Every structure is written in structure tokens, then in C-alpha cells.
Amino acid sequence: MRTVPACLCFAVSVCACSAAAGEPRGPLVLAYYYTWYGAEHGACGAFEHWGEGAPNLRFPPAIRDISSSAYPLIGPYDSMEPEVVRWHMRLAKAAGIDGFLVDWWGPADWQKPAGWTHDVFVKTVLPVAEQERFPVALFDECPQFVDSFDSVRDWTVRYLRQFKDSPAWLHIDGKPAWGVYQLWEGKLSPEQGRELVAAVEAEVGPVYWVVDRMRARQGPGGLELYTPDEWLAIPQIQCFSGYAMFSTWRMYRYEELAPVYRGFVERLHAAGKAAMLPVHPGHDNRRIADEPWVMPRDDGATLRAFWRAAVEADCDLIGITSFNEWPETTVIEPALTWPDPYRYLRIVAELQGRGFEPPPLPPAAAVDPAIREMLAARSAESGRAAP
């Protein structure tokens, strides 16, 4: 039984829950969404995060050589393009996904272009989310990679203050949500975590913190997943998660997952905390890693195994990892290289107890010129209007 009731709604109290009023519902379902992509045909003016330099055509006339083991249905795209982001949100809504946790590197100048994820969120993602009435919040990677704790603390205050009152900002239990990524030990200490939440809430009020603090250890019965006691003792943090289980603990079969997921949730609930469990459709980083790791998709069996284990563990939130992280190929975004491009969105919809009808593709001007004719032909064959 959940210790923390999880209700997702717009800041203006437009309920985004899928269950009817008064009926119990399953976990909130959020997908991790990446905005680091640039394209020659978009505002970036160059292909970024798709591979080294400008990806050449690998299989002319439509398929480029990108750093992924799958290929986007609309080709490499630009995250600043509103119609691409709109399509992504409509796909997510059609599948029953409740919102996005948006990857965030703040204003850091080591991005290409500098400050890209900040600009994409401010200029494109948040405005489109407001138009689409689709909840979004930020998943801050910078505490993991930025050495200056003062910078992390200061911009968390700044950007929560700036974004939290948007009608599209994700609120859980009536509080604006904020995610903190912390795969490795040693970057953000428990003392700093305590200071971070206290300083932020002193400036902006109560926050619903989703902190990545899933760790592994050998217990009497084998592998255990847990959150360190020093973090559980921080009263303001309501929820703990674990994004990168796919690379740290290499299991993906239901029989392995079920006991460790159940134990993780039980420990958190006993401490009065909520649990957000990662659900992975697969993982394949052979195009980018010297020592690659492949988690097979098994035509959706892996996604179903994670989902079943998470729901049966009575978790409060599910984090789909990911909607569109193409380099690690953890995506559920439609892929041209799958027999059914919408395969994994259809499975998510099914698991959410609903049918799935793909929204129209983005307008032709928003997608890779190399793939426009192919998409138009596919649309004509399926009886849909060409993009």
C-alpha cells in the first residue's frame, strides 16, 4: 500500500490522471525526454548528438549514419523544432504517458551549442507543453557532472522559481516536481543534498523532489536495491528513483526483477518515502561504447517484464527510460528500423489499459529532408495524409 498518494495535475488543477474520480489508479507513468539534439535543417544548423560531425547518408536516399542502434522514424531531428516536440507529446499522450521528465544541463557552456537544453526548454518544450496541456518537469543532470555545488543550488532556485507556475509544470501531491540525477557516489553528498533542498524550499516553497539514489548491495538473500539511510533521513525528499539500472545492475527478466523491486519499494515505504521504479524497453550502446552492453528487447518482453515487476512492487511512479535517448537506444519513440515503428508505444498503451492511435506525423518542413519522400510514401500507403 502506498504511503505517499501520488496525484499528477497541472498547476491550475486540471487533473491529468487517467482513472475516473474516486477510482484507484496505478502508478504515475513518466518518460525521460531528451532535448540535446540538433540538425542541419533545424535551428541548430548542425547535427549534434547524433554522431560525429554531420552524419552522412549510410543507406541512400534516406538513412544517415547515426550513433544509435535504431533509427528515428522521422530521421535525425532538431530539439528546438516545435512540431517535432508537439508530435512527441501527442505520441506520449496517445500511449497513456502522464508526463515528461526533461533532461536538463542548465546554462552550462560545455553543451553544443552552449546552453542548448536551457534554450530548448524555454523556447520550445515548455511553450508546446502549455499548448498541448502535457505535464513536464526538469531532470537535472548537473549535480552529477558540475563541480560547483553553489552553481547547482543557485540555478535550482532560479529555474524552479521561473518555471513552477507554468500551467504545464508537473505537480505531484500539489507540489512542483524537480528531478535530480545521481548515478555515481561522491558528487552530491548527503550533507549537500540536505543543504540543496533546504535552500531551494526557503526560496520557492515546498518541492516534490525525485532524487536518483538507487544503490545495490549483497544482502542475506542476494542482491538488494536500497537508498542509503543518510538520504532517507532528509525529510523534504519525498521520492527516490534509479534511472540507470540498465547499466549498473544487468538484469531484465521478471524473475530477477520482481524480488529486488519489491524490496526497494518496501524499504522506501517503511521510511515514508515514495518509489519511482525504472522500466526499460531495452538498451544497446554498441554504436557509442568501447565495452557495449545490450539488453535485448525481445519484441517487448523486456518492457513487459519491467512493467509487471514495477506494478506488482506497488511503486508510486514508473519512469520509462527512455522516450528518446537514441545513443543508448533505450527509446520507445517510433523507429523506422522496427517492423512496426510504434511497437513500444502500443505496448505502453496496452499496459495502461487503452488503445493506441498514432497522431499525424510532423509537417514535412520539420523533419530530415533525406526522409521526407519515404515518409510521404508510407503515409500514402497507410491512407493517412502525407506530412
Protein backbone atom coordinates (compact mmCIF):
# COMPACT_ATOMS: atom_id res chain seq x y z
CA MET A 1 0.00 0.00 0.00
CA ARG A 2 1.39 3.39 -0.96
CA THR A 3 2.47 5.63 1.86
CA VAL A 4 2.51 8.75 -0.31
CA PRO A 5 -0.54 9.34 -2.54
CA ALA A 6 0.67 10.41 -5.96
CA CYS A 7 -1.57 12.76 -7.92
CA LEU A 8 -0.38 14.42 -11.08
CA CYS A 9 -2.05 17.58 -12.27
CA PHE A 10 -1.45 20.88 -13.98
CA ALA A 11 -0.57 23.81 -11.78
CA VAL A 12 -4.05 25.19 -12.49
CA SER A 13 -5.52 21.92 -11.11
CA VAL A 14 -6.60 20.41 -14.39
CA CYS A 15 -6.35 16.72 -13.48
CA ALA A 16 -4.19 14.62 -15.79
CA CYS A 17 -4.97 11.32 -14.06
CA SER A 18 -6.37 8.59 -16.27
CA ALA A 19 -8.61 6.99 -13.64
CA ALA A 20 -12.13 8.26 -13.06
CA ALA A 21 -12.75 10.33 -9.94
CA GLY A 22 -12.74 8.16 -6.84
CA GLU A 23 -11.28 5.09 -8.57
CA PRO A 24 -7.84 3.73 -7.67
CA ARG A 25 -5.23 4.12 -10.37
CA GLY A 26 -1.86 2.59 -10.99
CA PRO A 27 1.47 4.36 -10.68
CA LEU A 28 2.05 7.68 -12.37
CA VAL A 29 3.84 7.00 -15.64
CA LEU A 30 6.55 9.48 -16.66
CA ALA A 31 9.02 9.15 -19.52
CA TYR A 32 12.52 10.62 -19.60
CA TYR A 33 12.77 13.03 -22.52
CA TYR A 34 15.98 14.30 -24.16
CA THR A 35 16.42 17.70 -25.79
CA TRP A 36 20.10 17.67 -26.73
CA TYR A 37 19.60 17.03 -30.45
CA GLY A 38 20.48 19.45 -33.25
CA ALA A 39 20.05 19.13 -37.01
CA GLU A 40 21.24 20.91 -40.12
CA HIS A 41 17.66 21.51 -41.20
CA GLY A 42 16.70 23.00 -37.81
CA ALA A 43 17.51 25.97 -35.60
CA CYS A 44 20.80 24.42 -34.52
CA GLY A 45 22.12 24.41 -38.09
CA ALA A 46 24.27 21.33 -37.43
CA PHE A 47 23.80 17.69 -36.45
CA GLU A 48 24.51 17.47 -32.72
CA HIS A 49 24.30 14.40 -30.50
CA TRP A 50 23.54 12.19 -33.48
CA GLY A 51 27.15 11.25 -34.15
CA GLU A 52 30.48 12.77 -35.03
CA GLY A 53 30.03 15.75 -37.31
CA ALA A 54 27.21 15.80 -39.84
CA PRO A 55 26.00 12.21 -40.34
CA ASN A 56 26.41 11.18 -43.95
CA LEU A 57 23.84 9.10 -45.76
CA ARG A 58 24.57 5.49 -44.88
CA PHE A 59 21.80 3.90 -46.91
CA PRO A 60 20.78 6.42 -49.58
CA PRO A 61 18.49 8.09 -50.12
CA ALA A 62 17.03 8.31 -46.61
CA ILE A 63 19.10 6.71 -43.82
CA ARG A 64 22.03 8.56 -42.23
CA ASP A 65 24.89 7.07 -40.26
CA ILE A 66 23.98 7.99 -36.68
CA SER A 67 25.20 6.90 -33.25
CA SER A 68 22.28 4.64 -32.45
CA SER A 69 21.36 1.01 -32.98
CA ALA A 70 17.89 2.07 -34.15
CA TYR A 71 16.76 4.90 -36.42
CA PRO A 72 14.12 7.58 -35.73
CA LEU A 73 11.02 7.31 -37.88
CA ILE A 74 11.38 10.97 -38.87
CA GLY A 75 15.18 10.82 -39.14
CA PRO A 76 17.60 12.88 -37.00
CA TYR A 77 15.71 15.90 -35.73
CA ASP A 78 16.26 19.23 -34.04
CA SER A 79 15.01 19.52 -30.45
CA MET A 80 14.22 23.20 -30.98
CA GLU A 81 11.59 22.33 -33.62
CA PRO A 82 8.14 22.86 -32.05
CA GLU A 83 6.32 20.48 -34.36
CA VAL A 84 8.66 17.63 -33.51
CA VAL A 85 8.19 18.25 -29.78
CA ARG A 86 4.44 18.52 -30.32
CA TRP A 87 4.42 15.16 -32.11
CA HIS A 88 6.39 13.58 -29.27
CA MET A 89 3.93 14.85 -26.69
CA ARG A 90 0.96 13.68 -28.71
CA LEU A 91 2.55 10.25 -29.07
CA ALA A 92 3.08 10.11 -25.31
CA LYS A 93 -0.49 11.16 -24.58
CA ALA A 94 -1.82 8.57 -27.04
CA ALA A 95 0.11 5.88 -25.17
CA GLY A 96 -1.18 6.95 -21.74
CA ILE A 97 2.06 8.51 -20.51
CA ASP A 98 1.32 11.13 -17.85
CA GLY A 99 4.25 13.49 -18.43
CA PHE A 100 7.91 14.00 -19.32
CA LEU A 101 10.94 14.42 -17.09
CA VAL A 102 13.07 16.57 -19.38
CA ASP A 103 16.84 16.15 -19.42
CA TRP A 104 18.49 19.37 -18.22
CA TRP A 105 22.03 20.66 -18.32
CA GLY A 106 21.07 24.20 -17.35
CA PRO A 107 23.01 27.09 -18.90
CA ALA A 108 26.29 25.14 -18.97
CA ASP A 109 28.53 26.33 -21.80
CA TRP A 110 30.01 22.86 -22.45
CA GLN A 111 26.87 21.91 -24.33
CA LYS A 112 26.80 22.14 -28.13
CA PRO A 113 25.54 24.76 -28.76
CA ALA A 114 26.24 26.38 -25.38
CA GLY A 115 23.17 26.38 -23.15
CA TRP A 116 21.21 24.30 -25.69
CA THR A 117 18.99 22.31 -23.30
CA HIS A 118 18.13 25.51 -21.42
CA ASP A 119 17.16 27.30 -24.61
CA VAL A 120 15.21 24.35 -25.99
CA PHE A 121 13.20 24.03 -22.80
CA VAL A 122 12.43 27.74 -22.51
CA LYS A 123 11.74 28.42 -26.18
CA THR A 124 10.15 25.17 -27.30
CA VAL A 125 9.38 22.42 -24.79
CA LEU A 126 7.58 24.45 -22.13
CA PRO A 127 5.51 26.56 -24.59
CA VAL A 128 4.46 23.46 -26.55
CA ALA A 129 3.64 21.62 -23.30
CA GLU A 130 1.39 24.53 -22.32
CA GLN A 131 -0.37 24.36 -25.68
CA GLU A 132 -0.73 20.58 -25.50
CA ARG A 133 -1.68 20.57 -21.81
CA PHE A 134 1.00 17.99 -21.17
CA PRO A 135 2.90 18.00 -17.84
CA VAL A 136 6.68 18.43 -17.86
CA ALA A 137 9.38 18.93 -15.24
CA LEU A 138 13.17 19.02 -15.34
CA PHE A 139 15.52 16.14 -14.56
CA ASP A 140 18.72 17.93 -13.61
CA GLU A 141 21.87 16.03 -14.63
CA CYS A 142 24.21 18.77 -13.49
CA PRO A 143 24.62 17.71 -9.85
CA GLN A 144 26.30 14.64 -11.35
CA PHE A 145 28.65 16.47 -13.71
CA VAL A 146 29.17 20.04 -12.44
CA ASP A 147 31.83 20.55 -9.78
CA SER A 148 30.36 23.76 -8.35
CA PHE A 149 27.68 22.89 -5.78
CA ASP A 150 26.90 26.59 -5.36
CA SER A 151 26.01 26.78 -9.05
CA VAL A 152 23.70 23.77 -8.80
CA ARG A 153 21.94 25.19 -5.74
CA ASP A 154 21.58 28.67 -7.22
CA TRP A 155 20.17 27.62 -10.56
CA THR A 156 17.77 25.14 -8.98
CA VAL A 157 16.30 28.09 -7.09
CA ARG A 158 16.34 30.28 -10.19
CA TYR A 159 14.69 27.86 -12.56
CA LEU A 160 12.12 26.44 -10.19
CA ARG A 161 11.05 29.99 -9.44
CA GLN A 162 10.90 30.70 -13.17
CA PHE A 163 9.02 27.57 -14.26
CA LYS A 164 6.94 26.20 -11.38
CA ASP A 165 3.87 28.36 -12.03
CA SER A 166 3.60 27.40 -15.69
CA PRO A 167 0.26 25.67 -16.33
CA ALA A 168 2.22 22.76 -17.82
CA TRP A 169 4.67 22.26 -14.95
CA LEU A 170 4.35 18.83 -13.37
CA HIS A 171 2.92 18.93 -9.86
CA ILE A 172 2.75 15.86 -7.64
CA ASP A 173 0.81 15.96 -4.38
CA GLY A 174 0.25 19.64 -5.09
CA LYS A 175 3.96 20.47 -5.25
CA PRO A 176 6.13 21.41 -8.25
CA ALA A 177 8.35 18.44 -9.16
CA TRP A 178 12.11 18.56 -9.66
CA GLY A 179 14.34 15.60 -10.55
CA VAL A 180 17.98 15.16 -9.52
CA TYR A 181 20.23 12.65 -11.32
CA GLN A 182 22.90 10.98 -9.20
CA LEU A 183 24.21 7.73 -10.63
CA TRP A 184 27.66 7.83 -9.05
CA GLU A 185 28.69 8.35 -5.46
CA GLY A 186 30.89 11.23 -4.43
CA LYS A 187 29.43 14.17 -6.39
CA LEU A 188 26.49 15.22 -4.21
CA SER A 189 26.95 14.25 -0.59
CA PRO A 190 24.02 13.73 1.79
CA GLU A 191 25.05 16.96 3.53
CA GLN A 192 24.88 18.82 0.23
CA GLY A 193 21.56 17.16 -0.56
CA ARG A 194 20.18 18.42 2.72
CA GLU A 195 21.52 21.89 2.03
CA LEU A 196 20.13 21.87 -1.51
CA VAL A 197 16.55 21.07 -0.58
CA ALA A 198 16.57 23.44 2.40
CA ALA A 199 17.97 26.35 0.40
CA VAL A 200 15.60 25.82 -2.51
CA GLU A 201 12.48 25.43 -0.40
CA ALA A 202 13.38 28.51 1.62
CA GLU A 203 13.19 30.49 -1.62
CA VAL A 204 10.40 28.82 -3.62
CA GLY A 205 8.33 26.85 -1.10
CA PRO A 206 7.70 23.09 -0.92
CA VAL A 207 9.00 21.00 -3.84
CA TYR A 208 8.28 17.38 -4.81
CA TRP A 209 11.83 16.02 -5.04
CA VAL A 210 12.55 12.97 -7.16
CA VAL A 211 16.15 12.05 -6.32
CA ASP A 212 18.12 9.34 -8.11
CA ARG A 213 19.53 7.30 -5.23
CA MET A 214 19.05 3.61 -6.03
CA ARG A 215 22.03 1.58 -4.86
CA ALA A 216 22.86 -2.16 -4.84
CA ARG A 217 24.35 -4.42 -2.20
CA GLN A 218 24.53 -8.08 -1.37
CA GLY A 219 22.07 -8.99 1.36
CA PRO A 220 21.31 -12.29 3.10
CA GLY A 221 19.03 -13.32 0.25
CA GLY A 222 21.14 -11.98 -2.60
CA LEU A 223 21.08 -8.64 -4.43
CA GLU A 224 19.22 -5.82 -2.72
CA LEU A 225 18.33 -2.38 -4.08
CA TYR A 226 18.18 0.36 -1.49
CA THR A 227 18.54 4.07 -0.76
CA PRO A 228 21.24 5.00 1.80
CA ASP A 229 19.94 5.90 5.25
CA GLU A 230 21.62 9.32 5.13
CA TRP A 231 19.38 10.24 2.21
CA LEU A 232 16.24 8.69 3.68
CA ALA A 233 16.76 10.94 6.70
CA ILE A 234 16.26 14.11 4.63
CA PRO A 235 12.60 14.87 5.42
CA GLN A 236 11.87 17.12 2.43
CA ILE A 237 12.73 14.46 -0.17
CA GLN A 238 9.53 12.58 -0.93
CA CYS A 239 10.61 10.20 -3.71
CA PHE A 240 13.67 8.18 -4.71
CA SER A 241 14.35 6.70 -8.13
CA GLY A 242 17.05 4.90 -10.09
CA TYR A 243 17.39 5.84 -13.74
CA ALA A 244 20.42 3.84 -14.86
CA MET A 245 19.72 0.38 -13.53
CA PHE A 246 20.20 -0.90 -17.08
CA SER A 247 23.93 -0.19 -16.93
CA THR A 248 24.64 -0.78 -13.24
CA TRP A 249 22.66 -3.95 -12.45
CA ARG A 250 22.35 -6.04 -15.55
CA MET A 251 19.11 -7.87 -15.08
CA TYR A 252 15.96 -7.69 -17.16
CA ARG A 253 13.96 -10.85 -16.60
CA TYR A 254 10.86 -10.70 -14.45
CA GLU A 255 12.02 -13.48 -12.13
CA GLU A 256 15.16 -11.47 -11.28
CA LEU A 257 13.47 -8.09 -11.11
CA ALA A 258 10.43 -8.90 -9.01
CA PRO A 259 12.14 -9.54 -5.64
CA VAL A 260 14.63 -6.65 -5.84
CA TYR A 261 11.97 -4.17 -6.98
CA ARG A 262 9.63 -5.32 -4.21
CA GLY A 263 12.36 -4.95 -1.60
CA PHE A 264 13.34 -1.48 -2.80
CA VAL A 265 9.75 -0.22 -2.58
CA GLU A 266 9.12 -1.84 0.81
CA ARG A 267 12.17 -0.13 2.30
CA LEU A 268 11.14 3.26 0.95
CA HIS A 269 7.53 2.92 2.06
CA ALA A 270 8.67 1.88 5.52
CA ALA A 271 10.61 5.17 5.68
CA GLY A 272 7.55 7.14 4.50
CA LYS A 273 9.01 7.75 1.02
CA ALA A 274 7.61 7.19 -2.46
CA ALA A 275 9.34 4.94 -5.00
CA MET A 276 9.86 5.61 -8.70
CA LEU A 277 10.99 2.45 -10.48
CA PRO A 278 12.75 2.42 -13.86
CA VAL A 279 11.13 0.50 -16.70
CA HIS A 280 13.40 -0.23 -19.66
CA PRO A 281 12.36 -1.36 -23.15
CA GLY A 282 15.97 -2.38 -23.91
CA HIS A 283 19.48 -0.99 -24.13
CA ASP A 284 22.03 -1.11 -26.95
CA ASN A 285 25.01 1.23 -26.91
CA ARG A 286 27.17 -0.64 -29.44
CA ARG A 287 27.39 2.45 -31.64
CA ILE A 288 28.98 4.60 -28.92
CA ALA A 289 30.70 2.38 -26.31
CA ASP A 290 34.08 0.65 -26.22
CA GLU A 291 32.58 -2.01 -23.94
CA PRO A 292 28.96 -2.15 -25.04
CA TRP A 293 26.04 -3.57 -23.14
CA VAL A 294 22.97 -4.93 -24.93
CA MET A 295 19.73 -5.59 -23.10
CA PRO A 296 17.56 -7.40 -25.66
CA ARG A 297 14.12 -6.03 -26.39
CA ASP A 298 12.66 -9.46 -27.18
CA ASP A 299 9.82 -7.85 -29.13
CA GLY A 300 8.52 -6.11 -26.00
CA ALA A 301 9.04 -8.93 -23.48
CA THR A 302 11.68 -6.89 -21.63
CA LEU A 303 9.41 -3.86 -21.35
CA ARG A 304 6.56 -6.05 -20.11
CA ALA A 305 8.82 -7.73 -17.53
CA PHE A 306 9.99 -4.44 -16.05
CA TRP A 307 6.46 -3.04 -16.05
CA ARG A 308 4.98 -6.10 -14.33
CA ALA A 309 7.70 -6.13 -11.68
CA ALA A 310 7.24 -2.39 -11.02
CA VAL A 311 3.45 -2.55 -10.71
CA GLU A 312 3.48 -5.67 -8.55
CA ALA A 313 6.02 -3.98 -6.27
CA ASP A 314 3.38 -1.28 -5.60
CA CYS A 315 5.61 1.55 -6.75
CA ASP A 316 4.24 5.09 -6.78
CA LEU A 317 5.76 6.21 -10.08
CA ILE A 318 7.09 4.46 -13.16
CA GLY A 319 9.96 6.10 -15.06
CA ILE A 320 10.21 4.90 -18.67
CA THR A 321 13.88 5.07 -19.60
CA SER A 322 13.53 6.44 -22.11
CA PHE A 323 11.31 8.17 -24.62
CA ASN A 324 14.14 9.22 -26.93
CA GLU A 325 17.68 8.53 -25.70
CA TRP A 326 18.92 7.34 -29.10
CA PRO A 327 22.67 6.82 -28.41
CA GLU A 328 21.89 4.15 -25.80
CA THR A 329 18.87 3.01 -27.85
CA THR A 330 16.57 2.87 -24.85
CA VAL A 331 13.83 4.54 -26.86
CA ILE A 332 10.11 4.00 -27.23
CA GLU A 333 9.88 6.82 -29.78
CA PRO A 334 8.86 5.36 -33.18
CA ALA A 335 11.78 3.82 -35.08
CA LEU A 336 11.98 3.27 -38.79
CA THR A 337 14.08 0.14 -38.22
CA TRP A 338 11.35 -1.74 -36.31
CA PRO A 339 8.74 -3.72 -38.30
CA ASP A 340 6.11 -1.63 -36.53
CA PRO A 341 7.61 1.79 -35.76
CA TYR A 342 5.06 2.31 -32.97
CA ARG A 343 5.59 -1.09 -31.36
CA TYR A 344 6.69 0.06 -27.90
CA LEU A 345 4.19 2.89 -27.63
CA ARG A 346 1.46 0.37 -28.43
CA ILE A 347 2.72 -1.85 -25.61
CA VAL A 348 2.75 1.06 -23.13
CA ALA A 349 -0.81 1.92 -24.16
CA GLU A 350 -1.87 -1.68 -23.70
CA LEU A 351 -0.28 -1.81 -20.25
CA GLN A 352 -2.16 1.37 -19.42
CA GLY A 353 -5.40 -0.28 -20.50
CA ARG A 354 -6.03 1.76 -23.62
CA GLY A 355 -5.84 1.55 -27.39
CA PHE A 356 -3.22 3.44 -29.36
CA GLU A 357 -3.85 5.60 -32.41
CA PRO A 358 -0.72 7.32 -33.78
CA PRO A 359 -1.08 11.07 -34.24
CA PRO A 360 -0.21 12.55 -37.66
CA LEU A 361 3.47 12.93 -38.44
CA PRO A 362 5.07 16.37 -38.11
CA PRO A 363 4.91 18.68 -41.15
CA ALA A 364 7.49 17.89 -43.82
CA ALA A 365 9.45 21.08 -43.11
CA ALA A 366 10.13 19.87 -39.56
CA VAL A 367 11.76 16.56 -40.49
CA ASP A 368 15.01 15.49 -42.14
CA PRO A 369 14.86 16.33 -45.88
CA ALA A 370 16.50 12.98 -46.64
CA ILE A 371 13.50 11.08 -45.33
CA ARG A 372 10.57 13.23 -46.44
CA GLU A 373 9.75 11.27 -49.59
CA MET A 374 9.86 7.97 -47.72
CA LEU A 375 7.50 9.26 -45.06
CA ALA A 376 5.16 10.68 -47.67
CA ALA A 377 5.05 7.31 -49.44
CA ARG A 378 4.38 5.47 -46.17
CA SER A 379 1.62 7.90 -45.29
CA ALA A 380 0.01 7.43 -48.68
CA GLU A 381 0.19 3.63 -48.36
CA SER A 382 -1.47 3.72 -44.94
CA GLY A 383 -4.20 6.07 -46.12
CA ARG A 384 -3.03 8.97 -43.97
CA ALA A 385 -2.40 12.43 -45.32
CA ALA A 386 1.23 12.96 -46.27
CA PRO A 387 3.14 15.20 -43.84
